[in-house]
Structures are given as structure tokens and as C-alpha cells.
Amino acid sequence: QLNTLHRYYTILDDDHALIRLLEAEPELYFLLVEAVEPLRQAFGEKTLLYMRIQSGDEDSLLKVAVWLPANFSNDPERALRSFDAEWWLNNCHRSGGALVFDYEMQDAV
């Protein structure tokens, strides 16, 4: 599973932390694989996808960010809304609240 995720995503945490989260929330793996194509449709084929775990007091959350160059020609909010409407809203219930999607701009501070 991890090798497949590495093909599509840049993982910003150590693999062991991700493995623990996927063991606790096994549906996340399938969602992550399925999300690649809808993300590319919304943001473009050449976008980079980053993944990081955000840990709170009791829960961990997996955040996927589409990394966009400063010269991204489309409206990133519109692209995210398109992804939400076309795919995520129909599938978010499968995540158990442990997965979020967002974007980050290259020149963001």
C-alpha cells in the first residue's frame, strides 16, 4: 500500500506514522488512491500532491494538499469546489472524519 501511495503523493511524515494511521483507518488508503484522478481533473495533470499527518490531543488527521505554482492559471478555490462537488462530497463519509483536502500556493507565506 505504501509503495502505491508514494507513486502519487509526496509524504511529508515518516512512513511508520502513516502506516499506523492507515491501520487505524483502513478506508483512507482506498480514498487516497481513488482521489488522485479527481484531484488531477480539478487542478490539472501536473500538480503535486502532498500528504501530512496533523495530530491533535486525541485524534490524527491526514491532510492532502495540492501544491500549486505561483502562476497557477485557474482559480484554486474554484478548482477545490469542483473537486468537492464532483467527488469528495460523495465520498467524505468514508473517511471517518480523518481526511481533508486543500491546496497550497507556492508563494504562500
Protein backbone atom coordinates (compact mmCIF):
# COMPACT_ATOMS: atom_id res chain seq x y z
CA GLN A 1 0.00 0.00 0.00
CA LEU A 2 2.73 2.44 0.89
CA ASN A 3 4.51 1.98 -2.44
CA THR A 4 1.29 2.85 -4.27
CA LEU A 5 0.81 6.00 -2.21
CA HIS A 6 4.42 7.04 -2.84
CA ARG A 7 3.71 6.88 -6.59
CA TYR A 8 1.02 9.56 -6.30
CA TYR A 9 1.86 11.57 -3.19
CA THR A 10 4.85 13.17 -1.54
CA ILE A 11 4.57 12.01 2.05
CA LEU A 12 5.86 14.60 4.49
CA ASP A 13 5.83 12.34 7.55
CA ASP A 14 7.74 9.20 8.29
CA ASP A 15 6.22 6.08 6.81
CA HIS A 16 5.65 4.47 10.23
CA ALA A 17 3.27 7.24 11.32
CA LEU A 18 1.32 6.87 8.09
CA ILE A 19 1.18 3.08 8.44
CA ARG A 20 -0.25 3.44 11.96
CA LEU A 21 -2.91 5.83 10.74
CA LEU A 22 -3.84 3.57 7.81
CA GLU A 23 -4.10 0.61 10.16
CA ALA A 24 -6.46 2.58 12.39
CA GLU A 25 -8.46 3.92 9.39
CA PRO A 26 -8.07 1.35 6.57
CA GLU A 27 -10.58 3.07 4.26
CA LEU A 28 -8.19 6.04 3.94
CA TYR A 29 -5.90 4.07 1.63
CA PHE A 30 -8.69 3.44 -0.87
CA LEU A 31 -9.86 7.04 -0.69
CA LEU A 32 -6.35 8.33 -1.32
CA VAL A 33 -5.90 6.15 -4.39
CA GLU A 34 -9.35 6.99 -5.72
CA ALA A 35 -8.85 10.74 -5.14
CA VAL A 36 -5.83 11.06 -7.44
CA GLU A 37 -7.79 11.25 -10.70
CA PRO A 38 -10.49 13.65 -9.44
CA LEU A 39 -7.76 15.90 -8.00
CA ARG A 40 -5.95 15.92 -11.35
CA GLN A 41 -9.20 16.69 -13.15
CA ALA A 42 -9.86 19.64 -10.86
CA PHE A 43 -6.33 21.04 -10.56
CA GLY A 44 -4.50 19.72 -13.64
CA GLU A 45 -2.45 16.70 -14.55
CA LYS A 46 0.92 18.04 -13.43
CA THR A 47 0.02 19.14 -9.92
CA LEU A 48 1.97 17.78 -6.98
CA LEU A 49 0.11 16.11 -4.14
CA TYR A 50 1.47 16.31 -0.61
CA MET A 51 0.28 14.39 2.40
CA ARG A 52 0.94 15.04 6.07
CA ILE A 53 -0.48 13.88 9.36
CA GLN A 54 -1.77 16.50 11.74
CA SER A 55 -2.04 15.19 15.27
CA GLY A 56 -4.29 16.62 17.94
CA ASP A 57 -4.84 15.69 21.55
CA GLU A 58 -6.75 12.53 20.77
CA ASP A 59 -7.08 12.18 17.00
CA SER A 60 -4.89 12.31 13.94
CA LEU A 61 -5.99 13.85 10.68
CA LEU A 62 -4.50 13.18 7.27
CA LYS A 63 -4.23 16.34 5.20
CA VAL A 64 -3.71 16.16 1.45
CA ALA A 65 -2.60 19.41 -0.14
CA VAL A 66 -2.38 20.10 -3.84
CA TRP A 67 0.76 22.18 -4.31
CA LEU A 68 0.15 24.88 -6.88
CA PRO A 69 2.77 27.05 -8.56
CA ALA A 70 2.55 30.81 -8.21
CA ASN A 71 1.49 31.05 -11.86
CA PHE A 72 -1.43 28.62 -11.48
CA SER A 73 -3.74 29.83 -14.22
CA ASN A 74 -7.07 28.84 -12.68
CA ASP A 75 -8.85 29.97 -9.55
CA PRO A 76 -7.69 27.49 -6.85
CA GLU A 77 -10.87 27.96 -4.81
CA ARG A 78 -12.95 27.10 -7.85
CA ALA A 79 -10.79 24.03 -8.51
CA LEU A 80 -11.24 22.87 -4.90
CA ARG A 81 -15.01 23.43 -5.07
CA SER A 82 -15.08 21.45 -8.31
CA PHE A 83 -13.21 18.56 -6.66
CA ASP A 84 -15.60 18.72 -3.71
CA ALA A 85 -18.71 18.73 -5.89
CA GLU A 86 -17.53 16.12 -8.38
CA TRP A 87 -16.03 13.60 -5.96
CA TRP A 88 -15.29 14.46 -2.34
CA LEU A 89 -18.82 15.25 -1.14
CA ASN A 90 -19.94 11.82 -2.35
CA ASN A 91 -17.04 10.07 -0.61
CA CYS A 92 -16.16 12.07 2.51
CA HIS A 93 -18.40 9.93 4.71
CA ARG A 94 -15.98 7.04 4.09
CA SER A 95 -13.09 8.89 5.76
CA GLY A 96 -14.48 8.84 9.27
CA GLY A 97 -13.51 12.50 9.52
CA ALA A 98 -9.81 11.61 9.31
CA LEU A 99 -9.04 13.08 5.86
CA VAL A 100 -9.14 16.59 4.43
CA PHE A 101 -8.15 18.05 1.07
CA ASP A 102 -6.83 21.54 0.47
CA TYR A 103 -4.36 23.41 -1.71
CA GLU A 104 -1.22 25.43 -1.04
CA MET A 105 0.24 28.10 -3.28
CA GLN A 106 3.98 28.19 -3.92
CA ASP A 107 4.35 31.80 -2.84
CA ALA A 108 2.20 31.47 0.28
CA VAL A 109 3.89 32.58 3.47
